[in-house]
Amino acid sequence: MTKRFDYASYDDMRDFLDDLQKLSEEDDFYPDLTFSRVHVNVSIKSREDDKFTGVDFDFAKKVDLLAKSAITVIEGG
């Protein structure tokens, strides 16, 4: 599952990445990231044989909460 988060500034985007780093370390869950100056694509892959479980969805919800300052959220595959 993938989402793109757009931010108004580099600083806002950077704050999100810093918060996401802390969350990833706490949960031992490391999504794939691609980003540019003001957006981040977060791709979460299942830990269970390509079948998403509650753990995956719980982490995705936490990412959504961190992204509260995003000005645009685009959901993808």
PDB file of N, CA and C in Angstrom:
ATOM      1  N   MET A   1       0.853  -1.161   0.000  1.00  0.00           N
ATOM      2  CA  MET A   1       0.000   0.000   0.000  1.00  0.00           C
ATOM      3  C   MET A   1       0.899   1.224   0.000  1.00  0.00           C
ATOM      4  N   THR A   2       0.502   2.207  -0.787  1.00  0.00           N
ATOM      5  CA  THR A   2       1.336   3.387  -0.997  1.00  0.00           C
ATOM      6  C   THR A   2       0.510   4.651  -0.860  1.00  0.00           C
ATOM      7  N   LYS A   3       1.105   5.654  -0.239  1.00  0.00           N
ATOM      8  CA  LYS A   3       0.503   6.987  -0.174  1.00  0.00           C
ATOM      9  C   LYS A   3       1.574   8.018  -0.468  1.00  0.00           C
ATOM     10  N   ARG A   4       1.132   9.091  -1.101  1.00  0.00           N
ATOM     11  CA  ARG A   4       2.000  10.241  -1.334  1.00  0.00           C
ATOM     12  C   ARG A   4       1.497  11.373  -0.451  1.00  0.00           C
ATOM     13  N   PHE A   5       2.435  12.006   0.258  1.00  0.00           N
ATOM     14  CA  PHE A   5       2.131  13.129   1.129  1.00  0.00           C
ATOM     15  C   PHE A   5       2.863  14.359   0.588  1.00  0.00           C
ATOM     16  N   ASP A   6       2.100  15.399   0.245  1.00  0.00           N
ATOM     17  CA  ASP A   6       2.680  16.653  -0.247  1.00  0.00           C
ATOM     18  C   ASP A   6       2.688  17.670   0.882  1.00  0.00           C
ATOM     19  N   TYR A   7       3.758  18.432   0.941  1.00  0.00           N
ATOM     20  CA  TYR A   7       3.935  19.425   2.003  1.00  0.00           C
ATOM     21  C   TYR A   7       4.160  20.806   1.417  1.00  0.00           C
ATOM     22  N   ALA A   8       3.874  21.825   2.217  1.00  0.00           N
ATOM     23  CA  ALA A   8       4.022  23.210   1.782  1.00  0.00           C
ATOM     24  C   ALA A   8       5.485  23.638   1.686  1.00  0.00           C
ATOM     25  N   SER A   9       6.345  22.977   2.449  1.00  0.00           N
ATOM     26  CA  SER A   9       7.751  23.382   2.460  1.00  0.00           C
ATOM     27  C   SER A   9       8.657  22.182   2.725  1.00  0.00           C
ATOM     28  N   TYR A  10       9.919  22.366   2.420  1.00  0.00           N
ATOM     29  CA  TYR A  10      10.919  21.337   2.705  1.00  0.00           C
ATOM     30  C   TYR A  10      10.969  21.046   4.199  1.00  0.00           C
ATOM     31  N   ASP A  11      10.912  22.099   5.014  1.00  0.00           N
ATOM     32  CA  ASP A  11      10.988  21.918   6.465  1.00  0.00           C
ATOM     33  C   ASP A  11       9.840  21.043   6.989  1.00  0.00           C
ATOM     34  N   ASP A  12       8.637  21.253   6.461  1.00  0.00           N
ATOM     35  CA  ASP A  12       7.493  20.424   6.864  1.00  0.00           C
ATOM     36  C   ASP A  12       7.709  18.967   6.468  1.00  0.00           C
ATOM     37  N   MET A  13       8.195  18.772   5.243  1.00  0.00           N
ATOM     38  CA  MET A  13       8.454  17.424   4.756  1.00  0.00           C
ATOM     39  C   MET A  13       9.542  16.756   5.593  1.00  0.00           C
ATOM     40  N   ARG A  14      10.570  17.501   5.919  1.00  0.00           N
ATOM     41  CA  ARG A  14      11.682  16.980   6.718  1.00  0.00           C
ATOM     42  C   ARG A  14      11.224  16.588   8.123  1.00  0.00           C
ATOM     43  N   ASP A  15      10.349  17.394   8.717  1.00  0.00           N
ATOM     44  CA  ASP A  15       9.800  17.066  10.036  1.00  0.00           C
ATOM     45  C   ASP A  15       9.053  15.731   9.985  1.00  0.00           C
ATOM     46  N   PHE A  16       8.278  15.535   8.926  1.00  0.00           N
ATOM     47  CA  PHE A  16       7.566  14.269   8.760  1.00  0.00           C
ATOM     48  C   PHE A  16       8.553  13.107   8.669  1.00  0.00           C
ATOM     49  N   LEU A  17       9.607  13.262   7.876  1.00  0.00           N
ATOM     50  CA  LEU A  17      10.599  12.191   7.750  1.00  0.00           C
ATOM     51  C   LEU A  17      11.279  11.886   9.082  1.00  0.00           C
ATOM     52  N   ASP A  18      11.573  12.915   9.846  1.00  0.00           N
ATOM     53  CA  ASP A  18      12.185  12.705  11.165  1.00  0.00           C
ATOM     54  C   ASP A  18      11.238  11.942  12.092  1.00  0.00           C
ATOM     55  N   ASP A  19       9.957  12.325  12.079  1.00  0.00           N
ATOM     56  CA  ASP A  19       8.972  11.633  12.905  1.00  0.00           C
ATOM     57  C   ASP A  19       8.788  10.188  12.435  1.00  0.00           C
ATOM     58  N   LEU A  20       8.800   9.994  11.121  1.00  0.00           N
ATOM     59  CA  LEU A  20       8.648   8.651  10.576  1.00  0.00           C
ATOM     60  C   LEU A  20       9.839   7.771  10.951  1.00  0.00           C
ATOM     61  N   GLN A  21      11.020   8.341  11.005  1.00  0.00           N
ATOM     62  CA  GLN A  21      12.196   7.585  11.429  1.00  0.00           C
ATOM     63  C   GLN A  21      12.012   7.079  12.863  1.00  0.00           C
ATOM     64  N   LYS A  22      11.550   7.947  13.740  1.00  0.00           N
ATOM     65  CA  LYS A  22      11.335   7.552  15.131  1.00  0.00           C
ATOM     66  C   LYS A  22      10.285   6.445  15.233  1.00  0.00           C
ATOM     67  N   LEU A  23       9.180   6.606  14.508  1.00  0.00           N
ATOM     68  CA  LEU A  23       8.131   5.595  14.517  1.00  0.00           C
ATOM     69  C   LEU A  23       8.656   4.263  13.990  1.00  0.00           C
ATOM     70  N   SER A  24       9.403   4.301  12.913  1.00  0.00           N
ATOM     71  CA  SER A  24       9.942   3.072  12.329  1.00  0.00           C
ATOM     72  C   SER A  24      10.848   2.345  13.306  1.00  0.00           C
ATOM     73  N   GLU A  25      11.665   3.093  14.008  1.00  0.00           N
ATOM     74  CA  GLU A  25      12.558   2.473  14.987  1.00  0.00           C
ATOM     75  C   GLU A  25      11.771   1.902  16.159  1.00  0.00           C
ATOM     76  N   GLU A  26      10.747   2.610  16.618  1.00  0.00           N
ATOM     77  CA  GLU A  26       9.930   2.125  17.734  1.00  0.00           C
ATOM     78  C   GLU A  26       9.185   0.844  17.370  1.00  0.00           C
ATOM     79  N   ASP A  27       8.626   0.811  16.152  1.00  0.00           N
ATOM     80  CA  ASP A  27       7.800  -0.321  15.724  1.00  0.00           C
ATOM     81  C   ASP A  27       8.595  -1.390  14.977  1.00  0.00           C
ATOM     82  N   ASP A  28       9.866  -1.122  14.711  1.00  0.00           N
ATOM     83  CA  ASP A  28      10.709  -2.023  13.920  1.00  0.00           C
ATOM     84  C   ASP A  28      10.024  -2.367  12.595  1.00  0.00           C
ATOM     85  N   PHE A  29       9.532  -1.319  11.955  1.00  0.00           N
ATOM     86  CA  PHE A  29       8.797  -1.443  10.692  1.00  0.00           C
ATOM     87  C   PHE A  29       9.321  -0.351   9.772  1.00  0.00           C
ATOM     88  N   TYR A  30       9.916  -0.734   8.669  1.00  0.00           N
ATOM     89  CA  TYR A  30      10.608   0.222   7.808  1.00  0.00           C
ATOM     90  C   TYR A  30      10.007   0.238   6.408  1.00  0.00           C
ATOM     91  N   PRO A  31       9.165   1.237   6.123  1.00  0.00           N
ATOM     92  CA  PRO A  31       8.561   1.319   4.794  1.00  0.00           C
ATOM     93  C   PRO A  31       9.584   1.774   3.753  1.00  0.00           C
ATOM     94  N   ASP A  32       9.263   1.532   2.501  1.00  0.00           N
ATOM     95  CA  ASP A  32      10.077   2.073   1.414  1.00  0.00           C
ATOM     96  C   ASP A  32       9.668   3.529   1.213  1.00  0.00           C
ATOM     97  N   LEU A  33      10.668   4.380   1.002  1.00  0.00           N
ATOM     98  CA  LEU A  33      10.409   5.804   0.835  1.00  0.00           C
ATOM     99  C   LEU A  33      11.044   6.326  -0.444  1.00  0.00           C
ATOM    100  N   THR A  34      10.337   7.208  -1.112  1.00  0.00           N
ATOM    101  CA  THR A  34      10.923   8.046  -2.155  1.00  0.00           C
ATOM    102  C   THR A  34      10.434   9.452  -1.856  1.00  0.00           C
ATOM    103  N   PHE A  35      11.284  10.410  -2.098  1.00  0.00           N
ATOM    104  CA  PHE A  35      10.865  11.772  -1.785  1.00  0.00           C
ATOM    105  C   PHE A  35      11.622  12.774  -2.639  1.00  0.00           C
ATOM    106  N   SER A  36      11.029  13.954  -2.710  1.00  0.00           N
ATOM    107  CA  SER A  36      11.681  15.085  -3.371  1.00  0.00           C
ATOM    108  C   SER A  36      11.641  16.249  -2.391  1.00  0.00           C
ATOM    109  N   ARG A  37      11.727  17.423  -2.884  1.00  0.00           N
ATOM    110  CA  ARG A  37      11.818  18.597  -2.021  1.00  0.00           C
ATOM    111  C   ARG A  37      10.606  18.761  -1.103  1.00  0.00           C
ATOM    112  N   VAL A  38       9.395  18.481  -1.605  1.00  0.00           N
ATOM    113  CA  VAL A  38       8.211  18.739  -0.795  1.00  0.00           C
ATOM    114  C   VAL A  38       7.187  17.601  -0.808  1.00  0.00           C
ATOM    115  N   HIS A  39       7.580  16.406  -1.213  1.00  0.00           N
ATOM    116  CA  HIS A  39       6.652  15.281  -1.104  1.00  0.00           C
ATOM    117  C   HIS A  39       7.394  14.005  -0.721  1.00  0.00           C
ATOM    118  N   VAL A  40       6.611  13.085  -0.149  1.00  0.00           N
ATOM    119  CA  VAL A  40       7.139  11.783   0.267  1.00  0.00           C
ATOM    120  C   VAL A  40       6.160  10.709  -0.187  1.00  0.00           C
ATOM    121  N   ASN A  41       6.674   9.666  -0.813  1.00  0.00           N
ATOM    122  CA  ASN A  41       5.891   8.474  -1.112  1.00  0.00           C
ATOM    123  C   ASN A  41       6.275   7.415  -0.085  1.00  0.00           C
ATOM    124  N   VAL A  42       5.285   6.903   0.618  1.00  0.00           N
ATOM    125  CA  VAL A  42       5.505   5.875   1.635  1.00  0.00           C
ATOM    126  C   VAL A  42       4.842   4.591   1.145  1.00  0.00           C
ATOM    127  N   SER A  43       5.645   3.539   0.987  1.00  0.00           N
ATOM    128  CA  SER A  43       5.135   2.237   0.539  1.00  0.00           C
ATOM    129  C   SER A  43       5.342   1.222   1.651  1.00  0.00           C
ATOM    130  N   ILE A  44       4.244   0.654   2.094  1.00  0.00           N
ATOM    131  CA  ILE A  44       4.278  -0.349   3.148  1.00  0.00           C
ATOM    132  C   ILE A  44       4.043  -1.710   2.512  1.00  0.00           C
ATOM    133  N   LYS A  45       4.974  -2.601   2.748  1.00  0.00           N
ATOM    134  CA  LYS A  45       4.854  -3.966   2.245  1.00  0.00           C
ATOM    135  C   LYS A  45       4.490  -4.886   3.399  1.00  0.00           C
ATOM    136  N   SER A  46       3.700  -5.874   3.098  1.00  0.00           N
ATOM    137  CA  SER A  46       3.255  -6.812   4.119  1.00  0.00           C
ATOM    138  C   SER A  46       4.428  -7.600   4.692  1.00  0.00           C
ATOM    139  N   ARG A  47       4.340  -7.893   5.951  1.00  0.00           N
ATOM    140  CA  ARG A  47       5.328  -8.752   6.591  1.00  0.00           C
ATOM    141  C   ARG A  47       4.964 -10.222   6.433  1.00  0.00           C
ATOM    142  N   GLU A  48       3.750 -10.494   5.965  1.00  0.00           N
ATOM    143  CA  GLU A  48       3.219 -11.855   5.907  1.00  0.00           C
ATOM    144  C   GLU A  48       2.911 -12.278   4.470  1.00  0.00           C
ATOM    145  N   ASP A  49       3.876 -12.720   3.727  1.00  0.00           N
ATOM    146  CA  ASP A  49       3.646 -13.323   2.408  1.00  0.00           C
ATOM    147  C   ASP A  49       2.674 -12.537   1.525  1.00  0.00           C
ATOM    148  N   ASP A  50       2.887 -11.260   1.376  1.00  0.00           N
ATOM    149  CA  ASP A  50       2.063 -10.412   0.510  1.00  0.00           C
ATOM    150  C   ASP A  50       0.602 -10.329   0.923  1.00  0.00           C
ATOM    151  N   LYS A  51       0.316 -10.664   2.158  1.00  0.00           N
ATOM    152  CA  LYS A  51      -1.043 -10.574   2.680  1.00  0.00           C
ATOM    153  C   LYS A  51      -1.021  -9.589   3.846  1.00  0.00           C
ATOM    154  N   PHE A  52      -1.708  -8.453   3.693  1.00  0.00           N
ATOM    155  CA  PHE A  52      -1.697  -7.444   4.739  1.00  0.00           C
ATOM    156  C   PHE A  52      -2.437  -7.934   5.975  1.00  0.00           C
ATOM    157  N   THR A  53      -1.854  -7.620   7.134  1.00  0.00           N
ATOM    158  CA  THR A  53      -2.441  -8.026   8.419  1.00  0.00           C
ATOM    159  C   THR A  53      -2.698  -6.780   9.263  1.00  0.00           C
ATOM    160  N   GLY A  54      -3.216  -6.993  10.449  1.00  0.00           N
ATOM    161  CA  GLY A  54      -3.481  -5.892  11.363  1.00  0.00           C
ATOM    162  C   GLY A  54      -2.243  -5.080  11.688  1.00  0.00           C
ATOM    163  N   VAL A  55      -1.094  -5.740  11.794  1.00  0.00           N
ATOM    164  CA  VAL A  55       0.159  -5.040  12.097  1.00  0.00           C
ATOM    165  C   VAL A  55       0.474  -4.019  11.000  1.00  0.00           C
ATOM    166  N   ASP A  56       0.286  -4.428   9.753  1.00  0.00           N
ATOM    167  CA  ASP A  56       0.552  -3.534   8.623  1.00  0.00           C
ATOM    168  C   ASP A  56      -0.409  -2.342   8.630  1.00  0.00           C
ATOM    169  N   PHE A  57      -1.698  -2.626   8.848  1.00  0.00           N
ATOM    170  CA  PHE A  57      -2.691  -1.558   8.859  1.00  0.00           C
ATOM    171  C   PHE A  57      -2.506  -0.629  10.054  1.00  0.00           C
ATOM    172  N   ASP A  58      -2.121  -1.175  11.191  1.00  0.00           N
ATOM    173  CA  ASP A  58      -1.858  -0.333  12.366  1.00  0.00           C
ATOM    174  C   ASP A  58      -0.701   0.622  12.098  1.00  0.00           C
ATOM    175  N   PHE A  59       0.358   0.128  11.472  1.00  0.00           N
ATOM    176  CA  PHE A  59       1.488   0.996  11.157  1.00  0.00           C
ATOM    177  C   PHE A  59       1.045   2.075  10.165  1.00  0.00           C
ATOM    178  N   ALA A  60       0.256   1.714   9.168  1.00  0.00           N
ATOM    179  CA  ALA A  60      -0.227   2.684   8.178  1.00  0.00           C
ATOM    180  C   ALA A  60      -1.048   3.791   8.851  1.00  0.00           C
ATOM    181  N   LYS A  61      -1.858   3.421   9.826  1.00  0.00           N
ATOM    182  CA  LYS A  61      -2.646   4.427  10.557  1.00  0.00           C
ATOM    183  C   LYS A  61      -1.740   5.380  11.320  1.00  0.00           C
ATOM    184  N   LYS A  62      -0.685   4.852  11.901  1.00  0.00           N
ATOM    185  CA  LYS A  62       0.263   5.702  12.624  1.00  0.00           C
ATOM    186  C   LYS A  62       0.961   6.666  11.668  1.00  0.00           C
ATOM    187  N   VAL A  63       1.297   6.193  10.473  1.00  0.00           N
ATOM    188  CA  VAL A  63       1.909   7.066   9.467  1.00  0.00           C
ATOM    189  C   VAL A  63       0.938   8.181   9.104  1.00  0.00           C
ATOM    190  N   ASP A  64      -0.328   7.836   8.909  1.00  0.00           N
ATOM    191  CA  ASP A  64      -1.333   8.858   8.596  1.00  0.00           C
ATOM    192  C   ASP A  64      -1.396   9.929   9.680  1.00  0.00           C
ATOM    193  N   LEU A  65      -1.328   9.527  10.930  1.00  0.00           N
ATOM    194  CA  LEU A  65      -1.357  10.494  12.032  1.00  0.00           C
ATOM    195  C   LEU A  65      -0.136  11.405  12.013  1.00  0.00           C
ATOM    196  N   LEU A  66       1.015  10.845  11.680  1.00  0.00           N
ATOM    197  CA  LEU A  66       2.230  11.664  11.589  1.00  0.00           C
ATOM    198  C   LEU A  66       2.141  12.687  10.466  1.00  0.00           C
ATOM    199  N   ALA A  67       1.417  12.347   9.433  1.00  0.00           N
ATOM    200  CA  ALA A  67       1.357  13.181   8.231  1.00  0.00           C
ATOM    201  C   ALA A  67       0.309  14.282   8.333  1.00  0.00           C
ATOM    202  N   LYS A  68      -0.105  14.617   9.515  1.00  0.00           N
ATOM    203  CA  LYS A  68      -1.198  15.561   9.721  1.00  0.00           C
ATOM    204  C   LYS A  68      -0.994  16.916   9.052  1.00  0.00           C
ATOM    205  N   SER A  69       0.241  17.337   8.842  1.00  0.00           N
ATOM    206  CA  SER A  69       0.480  18.643   8.231  1.00  0.00           C
ATOM    207  C   SER A  69       0.587  18.572   6.708  1.00  0.00           C
ATOM    208  N   ALA A  70       0.376  17.391   6.131  1.00  0.00           N
ATOM    209  CA  ALA A  70       0.419  17.269   4.678  1.00  0.00           C
ATOM    210  C   ALA A  70      -0.716  18.088   4.077  1.00  0.00           C
ATOM    211  N   ILE A  71      -0.419  18.754   2.968  1.00  0.00           N
ATOM    212  CA  ILE A  71      -1.465  19.541   2.319  1.00  0.00           C
ATOM    213  C   ILE A  71      -2.242  18.715   1.303  1.00  0.00           C
ATOM    214  N   THR A  72      -1.653  17.621   0.830  1.00  0.00           N
ATOM    215  CA  THR A  72      -2.322  16.722  -0.093  1.00  0.00           C
ATOM    216  C   THR A  72      -1.901  15.302   0.216  1.00  0.00           C
ATOM    217  N   VAL A  73      -2.851  14.382   0.207  1.00  0.00           N
ATOM    218  CA  VAL A  73      -2.555  12.966   0.379  1.00  0.00           C
ATOM    219  C   VAL A  73      -3.138  12.243  -0.818  1.00  0.00           C
ATOM    220  N   ILE A  74      -2.295  11.484  -1.515  1.00  0.00           N
ATOM    221  CA  ILE A  74      -2.735  10.729  -2.682  1.00  0.00           C
ATOM    222  C   ILE A  74      -2.518   9.253  -2.380  1.00  0.00           C
ATOM    223  N   GLU A  75      -3.601   8.487  -2.415  1.00  0.00           N
ATOM    224  CA  GLU A  75      -3.498   7.054  -2.144  1.00  0.00           C
ATOM    225  C   GLU A  75      -3.225   6.300  -3.418  1.00  0.00           C
ATOM    226  N   GLY A  76      -2.399   5.282  -3.305  1.00  0.00           N
ATOM    227  CA  GLY A  76      -2.079   4.451  -4.454  1.00  0.00           C
ATOM    228  C   GLY A  76      -2.079   2.993  -4.058  1.00  0.00           C
ATOM    229  N   GLY A  77      -1.710   2.129  -5.052  1.00  0.00           N
ATOM    230  CA  GLY A  77      -1.667   0.678  -4.880  1.00  0.00           C
ATOM    231  C   GLY A  77      -1.226   0.267  -3.595  1.00  0.00           C
TER     232      GLY A  77
END
